[in-house]
């Protein structure tokens, strides 16, 4: 497989165009889509990133986006209920999958046809499910790739009709193979900032971020929406004697609440959305993160021990069980457990460097899928 340059198809045809469908919910789907677009552009492939929920059309886009109001107790309970119905109860899951396809197929097929794409990639499970069904039914002839950024609970991410499943954790492959037997499944790099593959030394990262060189540092993150018990995580980091850097994403109200609570504590720093996570994770002795996903892997890539805490909702519960089973992250279900996990992380060494750079590039896999299509034309 090529490590870079222009991607060539079987028989020498050049791959041309890709459509990447995401969902503008937080940043966990948009950012991998943009990284893939950049990787494809480096290989001479024109890729367009669009909101797949918009392509599915009303009312599906409003339903999905409305489910993203995670800062209230009622919203969290509704999210748990929604997840149980669409993912855990087979009859309601089957109904939801069929209804989503029926309601969204026309708009999705129209958008794919208008794009002229040689391959379609989805970074959002609700869109991946519909694409897989359309491909299995023969309604969609363009090959489809699902870009999977969760570790577990992959029922909507994976489908037998999808041609190519790309995942960020090799540990996800058995689950994907059970859901979609006979499909190509590859663990890849390329959905994160390339800086995660070669993070700076801890001392250099702390200097760049103006962090103390000799004190413990804990990063706290609530994902793009700033959800979960960030206040509690910050308090526990400070109780452990660590400087706390709290990433609040787009949640300005959450950031303001933390700033108010710790106004007299210079060892608490808050950030909004930031592109400096490679430096932050390289600088930190531990990460406390609430929403699973790609961020946990990015901390591991930087040698920063991750702790999943503070928002054990819906699919996060299944991911937490998988983190514990595969020993990829510590899981703290309450503040007492978080206290123990932080102590272990702060007392222990950084994680060993992984061989992430040796994984195939996601853009190469997508280019090959697109190129194979062109060669068959």
Protein backbone atom coordinates (compact mmCIF):
# COMPACT_ATOMS: atom_id res chain seq x y z
CA UNK A 1 0.00 0.00 0.00
CA UNK A 2 1.25 3.46 -0.86
CA UNK A 3 2.32 5.64 2.01
CA UNK A 4 1.57 8.88 0.16
CA UNK A 5 1.61 10.63 -3.17
CA UNK A 6 -1.14 10.34 -5.77
CA UNK A 7 -3.32 7.28 -5.30
CA UNK A 8 -3.62 5.00 -8.30
CA UNK A 9 -6.37 2.53 -8.98
CA UNK A 10 -6.11 -1.06 -10.05
CA UNK A 11 -5.16 -0.93 -13.71
CA UNK A 12 -3.67 2.58 -13.38
CA UNK A 13 -6.79 4.75 -13.25
CA UNK A 14 -6.52 7.75 -10.96
CA UNK A 15 -8.97 8.11 -8.08
CA UNK A 16 -10.84 11.38 -8.47
CA UNK A 17 -13.54 12.42 -6.04
CA UNK A 18 -14.84 11.56 -2.56
CA UNK A 19 -17.84 12.72 -0.58
CA UNK A 20 -17.33 12.71 3.20
CA UNK A 21 -20.53 12.89 5.25
CA UNK A 22 -20.27 14.01 8.87
CA UNK A 23 -22.57 15.40 11.56
CA UNK A 24 -22.04 18.74 13.22
CA UNK A 25 -22.62 17.44 16.75
CA UNK A 26 -19.79 18.61 18.98
CA UNK A 27 -16.56 18.05 17.06
CA UNK A 28 -16.09 14.29 17.22
CA UNK A 29 -17.40 13.69 13.71
CA UNK A 30 -16.39 16.90 11.91
CA UNK A 31 -12.71 16.81 12.86
CA UNK A 32 -12.02 13.25 11.61
CA UNK A 33 -13.83 14.17 8.39
CA UNK A 34 -11.61 17.18 7.89
CA UNK A 35 -8.44 15.19 8.60
CA UNK A 36 -9.48 12.60 6.05
CA UNK A 37 -10.22 15.33 3.51
CA UNK A 38 -6.72 16.69 4.01
CA UNK A 39 -5.19 13.24 3.59
CA UNK A 40 -7.10 12.62 0.38
CA UNK A 41 -6.10 16.03 -0.99
CA UNK A 42 -2.45 15.11 -0.45
CA UNK A 43 -3.10 12.10 -2.67
CA UNK A 44 -4.63 14.15 -5.46
CA UNK A 45 -8.23 13.29 -4.61
CA UNK A 46 -10.85 16.03 -4.45
CA UNK A 47 -12.89 15.46 -1.31
CA UNK A 48 -15.90 17.42 -0.11
CA UNK A 49 -17.08 17.38 3.52
CA UNK A 50 -20.81 17.88 4.08
CA UNK A 51 -23.28 17.40 6.91
CA UNK A 52 -24.86 14.01 6.39
CA UNK A 53 -27.76 14.84 8.68
CA UNK A 54 -28.71 17.71 6.40
CA UNK A 55 -28.54 15.34 3.44
CA UNK A 56 -30.90 12.95 5.24
CA UNK A 57 -33.23 15.92 5.56
CA UNK A 58 -35.87 17.14 7.95
CA UNK A 59 -37.00 15.89 10.41
CA UNK A 60 -34.00 13.59 10.94
CA UNK A 61 -31.50 16.40 11.23
CA UNK A 62 -33.57 18.20 13.85
CA UNK A 63 -34.11 14.98 15.82
CA UNK A 64 -30.38 14.20 15.95
CA UNK A 65 -29.31 17.74 16.73
CA UNK A 66 -32.06 18.11 19.32
CA UNK A 67 -30.66 15.05 21.11
CA UNK A 68 -27.42 16.96 21.61
CA UNK A 69 -28.70 19.13 24.48
CA UNK A 70 -26.72 17.29 27.13
CA UNK A 71 -26.47 19.89 29.87
CA UNK A 72 -29.66 19.10 31.76
CA UNK A 73 -30.76 16.11 33.81
CA UNK A 74 -33.83 15.71 31.61
CA UNK A 75 -31.75 15.88 28.44
CA UNK A 76 -29.40 13.21 29.76
CA UNK A 77 -32.27 10.88 30.71
CA UNK A 78 -33.83 11.34 27.29
CA UNK A 79 -30.49 10.57 25.66
CA UNK A 80 -30.23 7.35 27.67
CA UNK A 81 -33.77 6.38 26.65
CA UNK A 82 -33.18 7.22 23.00
CA UNK A 83 -30.00 5.15 22.94
CA UNK A 84 -31.66 2.17 24.61
CA UNK A 85 -34.47 2.19 22.05
CA UNK A 86 -32.36 2.60 18.93
CA UNK A 87 -29.36 0.47 19.91
CA UNK A 88 -30.15 -2.04 22.66
CA UNK A 89 -33.72 -3.26 22.10
CA UNK A 90 -33.77 -5.32 18.88
CA UNK A 91 -37.39 -4.59 17.78
CA UNK A 92 -37.13 -0.83 18.27
CA UNK A 93 -33.61 -0.79 16.84
CA UNK A 94 -34.82 -2.51 13.67
CA UNK A 95 -37.74 -0.09 13.41
CA UNK A 96 -35.45 2.94 13.89
CA UNK A 97 -33.00 1.69 11.27
CA UNK A 98 -35.73 1.02 8.72
CA UNK A 99 -37.52 4.31 9.43
CA UNK A 100 -34.31 6.33 9.18
CA UNK A 101 -33.57 4.76 5.81
CA UNK A 102 -37.08 5.30 4.52
CA UNK A 103 -37.16 8.95 5.59
CA UNK A 104 -33.62 9.82 4.55
CA UNK A 105 -32.90 7.76 1.44
CA UNK A 106 -34.20 10.18 -1.17
CA UNK A 107 -32.22 13.18 0.06
CA UNK A 108 -29.08 11.12 0.63
CA UNK A 109 -29.17 9.46 -2.79
CA UNK A 110 -29.79 12.81 -4.47
CA UNK A 111 -26.83 14.39 -2.73
CA UNK A 112 -24.50 11.52 -3.63
CA UNK A 113 -25.61 11.64 -7.27
CA UNK A 114 -25.11 15.41 -7.42
CA UNK A 115 -21.61 15.10 -5.96
CA UNK A 116 -20.35 12.76 -8.67
CA UNK A 117 -18.28 11.00 -6.00
CA UNK A 118 -16.41 7.78 -6.69
CA UNK A 119 -16.62 6.83 -3.00
CA UNK A 120 -18.71 7.97 -0.03
CA UNK A 121 -17.31 8.06 3.51
CA UNK A 122 -19.39 8.56 6.65
CA UNK A 123 -17.98 9.63 10.01
CA UNK A 124 -21.40 9.49 11.74
CA UNK A 125 -23.14 6.21 12.62
CA UNK A 126 -26.67 7.38 11.80
CA UNK A 127 -25.56 8.13 8.25
CA UNK A 128 -23.40 5.00 7.97
CA UNK A 129 -26.38 2.78 8.76
CA UNK A 130 -28.48 4.32 5.97
CA UNK A 131 -25.62 4.11 3.48
CA UNK A 132 -25.06 0.45 4.31
CA UNK A 133 -28.73 -0.37 3.83
CA UNK A 134 -28.93 1.49 0.53
CA UNK A 135 -25.81 -0.30 -0.67
CA UNK A 136 -27.17 -3.70 0.42
CA UNK A 137 -30.51 -3.06 -1.30
CA UNK A 138 -28.78 -2.10 -4.55
CA UNK A 139 -30.16 1.44 -4.43
CA UNK A 140 -26.64 2.85 -4.14
CA UNK A 141 -23.90 1.76 -6.54
CA UNK A 142 -21.16 4.02 -5.18
CA UNK A 143 -18.90 2.18 -2.69
CA UNK A 144 -19.21 3.19 0.93
CA UNK A 145 -16.71 3.48 3.78
CA UNK A 146 -17.59 3.87 7.47
CA UNK A 147 -14.99 5.77 9.52
CA UNK A 148 -15.45 4.47 13.07
CA UNK A 149 -14.11 6.54 15.96
CA UNK A 150 -15.70 4.70 18.89
CA UNK A 151 -14.21 1.61 20.49
CA UNK A 152 -17.44 -0.31 21.10
CA UNK A 153 -21.23 -0.21 20.67
CA UNK A 154 -20.80 -0.25 16.89
CA UNK A 155 -24.20 -1.52 15.74
CA UNK A 156 -25.00 1.66 13.73
CA UNK A 157 -21.40 2.25 12.68
CA UNK A 158 -21.05 -1.14 10.96
CA UNK A 159 -23.32 -2.78 8.37
CA UNK A 160 -22.94 -5.75 5.99
CA UNK A 161 -23.67 -3.45 3.04
CA UNK A 162 -20.69 -1.20 3.77
CA UNK A 163 -17.67 -1.98 1.58
CA UNK A 164 -14.95 -0.77 3.95
CA UNK A 165 -14.90 -0.26 7.72
CA UNK A 166 -12.03 1.82 9.08
CA UNK A 167 -11.53 1.86 12.85
CA UNK A 168 -9.12 3.61 15.18
CA UNK A 169 -8.71 0.67 17.57
CA UNK A 170 -7.64 -2.81 16.44
CA UNK A 171 -9.66 -4.03 19.44
CA UNK A 172 -12.85 -2.99 17.59
CA UNK A 173 -12.31 -5.39 14.69
CA UNK A 174 -14.01 -8.49 16.23
CA UNK A 175 -17.22 -6.56 16.97
CA UNK A 176 -17.30 -5.07 13.47
CA UNK A 177 -16.70 -8.51 11.94
CA UNK A 178 -19.63 -9.95 13.90
CA UNK A 179 -21.98 -7.20 12.71
CA UNK A 180 -20.71 -7.07 9.12
CA UNK A 181 -19.12 -10.44 8.26
CA UNK A 182 -17.21 -10.60 5.01
CA UNK A 183 -16.56 -6.86 4.76
CA UNK A 184 -13.09 -5.30 4.78
CA UNK A 185 -12.13 -4.00 8.23
CA UNK A 186 -8.88 -2.11 8.80
CA UNK A 187 -7.44 -0.34 11.84
CA UNK A 188 -5.92 2.92 10.60
CA UNK A 189 -4.37 6.24 11.48
CA UNK A 190 -5.30 9.52 9.87
CA UNK A 191 -8.42 10.77 11.67
CA UNK A 192 -6.40 12.91 14.10
CA UNK A 193 -4.01 15.81 13.82
CA UNK A 194 -0.74 14.37 12.44
CA UNK A 195 1.04 16.03 15.37
CA UNK A 196 -0.29 13.24 17.60
CA UNK A 197 1.99 10.81 15.77
CA UNK A 198 5.09 12.72 16.89
CA UNK A 199 4.19 14.68 20.03
CA UNK A 200 6.78 17.00 21.54
CA UNK A 201 8.75 16.01 24.65
CA UNK A 202 6.94 16.85 27.87
CA UNK A 203 9.33 19.65 28.82
CA UNK A 204 8.97 21.33 25.43
CA UNK A 205 5.19 20.99 25.50
CA UNK A 206 4.99 22.57 28.95
CA UNK A 207 7.21 25.44 27.89
CA UNK A 208 5.04 26.03 24.81
CA UNK A 209 1.88 26.12 26.94
CA UNK A 210 3.46 28.10 29.80
CA UNK A 211 2.88 25.26 32.27
CA UNK A 212 5.14 24.64 35.28
CA UNK A 213 7.96 22.23 34.45
CA UNK A 214 8.02 20.28 37.71
CA UNK A 215 4.41 20.11 38.92
CA UNK A 216 1.89 17.43 37.97
CA UNK A 217 -0.54 18.50 35.25
CA UNK A 218 -3.98 17.01 34.58
CA UNK A 219 -5.96 17.77 31.43
CA UNK A 220 -9.75 17.65 31.79
CA UNK A 221 -11.98 17.46 28.74
CA UNK A 222 -15.70 17.34 28.09
CA UNK A 223 -15.53 17.03 24.31
CA UNK A 224 -16.88 19.61 21.93
CA UNK A 225 -20.02 20.11 24.01
CA UNK A 226 -18.21 20.36 27.35
CA UNK A 227 -20.45 17.74 28.97
CA UNK A 228 -20.13 15.80 32.18
CA UNK A 229 -18.76 16.52 35.64
CA UNK A 230 -15.95 18.85 34.66
CA UNK A 231 -16.25 20.77 37.92
CA UNK A 232 -15.80 17.58 39.95
CA UNK A 233 -12.90 16.41 37.80
CA UNK A 234 -11.19 19.77 38.19
CA UNK A 235 -11.66 19.71 41.95
CA UNK A 236 -10.18 16.21 42.19
CA UNK A 237 -7.20 17.20 40.03
CA UNK A 238 -6.50 20.10 42.35
CA UNK A 239 -6.97 17.91 45.45
CA UNK A 240 -4.29 15.63 44.00
CA UNK A 241 -1.93 18.61 43.82
CA UNK A 242 -2.02 18.94 40.04
CA UNK A 243 -2.38 21.95 37.80
CA UNK A 244 -5.71 21.52 35.97
CA UNK A 245 -6.17 22.54 32.34
CA UNK A 246 -9.86 22.21 31.49
CA UNK A 247 -10.94 22.04 27.84
CA UNK A 248 -14.58 23.12 27.59
CA UNK A 249 -15.05 23.01 23.82
CA UNK A 250 -17.89 25.22 22.65
CA UNK A 251 -19.63 25.24 26.06
CA UNK A 252 -19.08 28.87 27.08
CA UNK A 253 -21.44 28.59 30.06
CA UNK A 254 -19.51 25.60 31.42
CA UNK A 255 -16.23 27.43 31.02
CA UNK A 256 -17.66 30.47 32.83
CA UNK A 257 -18.88 28.27 35.70
CA UNK A 258 -15.43 26.72 36.15
CA UNK A 259 -13.75 30.13 35.94
CA UNK A 260 -16.12 31.40 38.65
CA UNK A 261 -15.69 28.39 40.92
CA UNK A 262 -11.89 28.51 40.75
CA UNK A 263 -11.45 32.26 40.33
CA UNK A 264 -8.95 32.42 43.20
CA UNK A 265 -6.93 29.41 42.08
CA UNK A 266 -4.16 30.23 39.57
CA UNK A 267 -3.52 26.52 39.07
CA UNK A 268 -6.78 26.09 37.16
CA UNK A 269 -6.78 27.16 33.53
CA UNK A 270 -9.74 26.85 31.16
CA UNK A 271 -9.72 26.65 27.38
CA UNK A 272 -12.46 26.73 24.79
CA UNK A 273 -12.13 24.86 21.52
CA UNK A 274 -8.42 24.46 20.85
CA UNK A 275 -6.11 22.97 18.23
CA UNK A 276 -3.32 22.53 20.76
CA UNK A 277 -4.35 19.17 22.17
CA UNK A 278 -1.19 17.41 20.93
CA UNK A 279 0.89 19.77 23.08
CA UNK A 280 -1.53 19.59 26.00
CA UNK A 281 -1.63 15.80 26.10
CA UNK A 282 2.14 15.63 25.73
CA UNK A 283 2.45 18.04 28.67
CA UNK A 284 -0.09 16.31 30.93
CA UNK A 285 0.46 13.48 33.41
CA UNK A 286 -3.16 12.33 32.93
CA UNK A 287 -6.33 13.11 30.99
CA UNK A 288 -9.80 12.99 32.53
CA UNK A 289 -12.26 12.79 29.63
CA UNK A 290 -16.04 12.41 29.61
CA UNK A 291 -17.11 11.44 26.09
CA UNK A 292 -14.85 8.53 24.98
CA UNK A 293 -14.07 8.48 21.26
CA UNK A 294 -11.00 9.70 19.44
CA UNK A 295 -9.77 11.91 22.29
CA UNK A 296 -8.93 8.89 24.44
CA UNK A 297 -6.78 7.42 21.67
CA UNK A 298 -5.07 10.77 21.10
CA UNK A 299 -4.04 10.88 24.76
CA UNK A 300 -2.64 7.36 24.47
CA UNK A 301 -0.66 8.42 21.38
CA UNK A 302 0.96 11.15 23.49
CA UNK A 303 1.82 8.81 26.37
CA UNK A 304 -0.82 10.46 28.58
CA UNK A 305 -2.85 7.96 30.67
CA UNK A 306 -6.58 8.54 30.01
CA UNK A 307 -9.32 8.25 32.62
CA UNK A 308 -12.95 8.02 31.51
CA UNK A 309 -15.12 9.82 34.05
CA UNK A 310 -18.05 12.11 34.48
CA UNK A 311 -20.64 11.28 31.82
CA UNK A 312 -21.45 7.57 31.73
CA UNK A 313 -24.39 7.94 29.38
CA UNK A 314 -25.75 5.80 26.55
CA UNK A 315 -22.94 4.46 24.32
CA UNK A 316 -20.31 5.83 26.73
CA UNK A 317 -21.18 2.99 29.13
CA UNK A 318 -20.38 0.34 26.51
CA UNK A 319 -17.16 2.13 25.61
CA UNK A 320 -16.19 2.31 29.28
CA UNK A 321 -16.64 -1.44 29.63
CA UNK A 322 -14.46 -1.96 26.57
CA UNK A 323 -11.79 0.45 27.87
CA UNK A 324 -11.59 -1.54 31.07
CA UNK A 325 -11.65 -4.91 29.30
CA UNK A 326 -8.84 -3.97 26.93
CA UNK A 327 -6.97 -1.92 29.56
CA UNK A 328 -6.89 1.11 27.28
CA UNK A 329 -8.14 3.58 29.87
CA UNK A 330 -9.00 3.70 33.54
CA UNK A 331 -12.72 4.04 34.19
CA UNK A 332 -13.95 5.99 37.22
CA UNK A 333 -17.66 5.76 37.98
CA UNK A 334 -17.62 8.24 40.87
CA UNK A 335 -15.33 10.81 42.42
CA UNK A 336 -13.81 8.36 44.88
CA UNK A 337 -12.80 6.11 41.98
CA UNK A 338 -11.51 9.15 40.08
CA UNK A 339 -9.37 10.07 43.07
CA UNK A 340 -7.80 6.60 43.01
CA UNK A 341 -7.28 6.64 39.24
CA UNK A 342 -5.65 10.07 39.34
CA UNK A 343 -3.29 8.99 42.09
CA UNK A 344 -2.25 5.93 40.07
CA UNK A 345 -1.69 8.01 36.95
CA UNK A 346 0.27 10.73 38.73
CA UNK A 347 2.44 8.21 40.58
CA UNK A 348 3.07 6.06 37.51
CA UNK A 349 5.24 6.54 34.41
CA UNK A 350 3.99 7.90 31.08
CA UNK A 351 2.48 5.33 28.76
CA UNK A 352 4.96 3.64 26.41
CA UNK A 353 5.12 4.89 22.85
CA UNK A 354 2.84 2.95 20.51
CA UNK A 355 3.40 1.97 16.90
CA UNK A 356 0.58 4.16 15.59
CA UNK A 357 2.62 5.50 12.67
CA UNK A 358 2.95 1.94 11.35
CA UNK A 359 -0.81 1.61 10.84
CA UNK A 360 -2.10 2.11 7.29
CA UNK A 361 -3.38 5.59 6.48
CA UNK A 362 -7.14 6.01 6.27
CA UNK A 363 -6.72 8.13 3.13
CA UNK A 364 -4.82 5.32 1.38
CA UNK A 365 -7.61 2.85 2.14
CA UNK A 366 -10.30 5.23 0.86
CA UNK A 367 -8.23 6.04 -2.21
CA UNK A 368 -7.83 2.36 -2.97
CA UNK A 369 -11.59 1.80 -2.67
CA UNK A 370 -12.26 4.73 -4.97
CA UNK A 371 -9.55 3.61 -7.38
CA UNK A 372 -10.92 0.07 -7.58
CA UNK A 373 -14.27 1.55 -8.59
CA UNK A 374 -12.69 3.55 -11.38
CA UNK A 375 -10.77 0.54 -12.65
CA UNK A 376 -14.04 -1.39 -12.88
CA UNK A 377 -15.68 1.34 -14.97
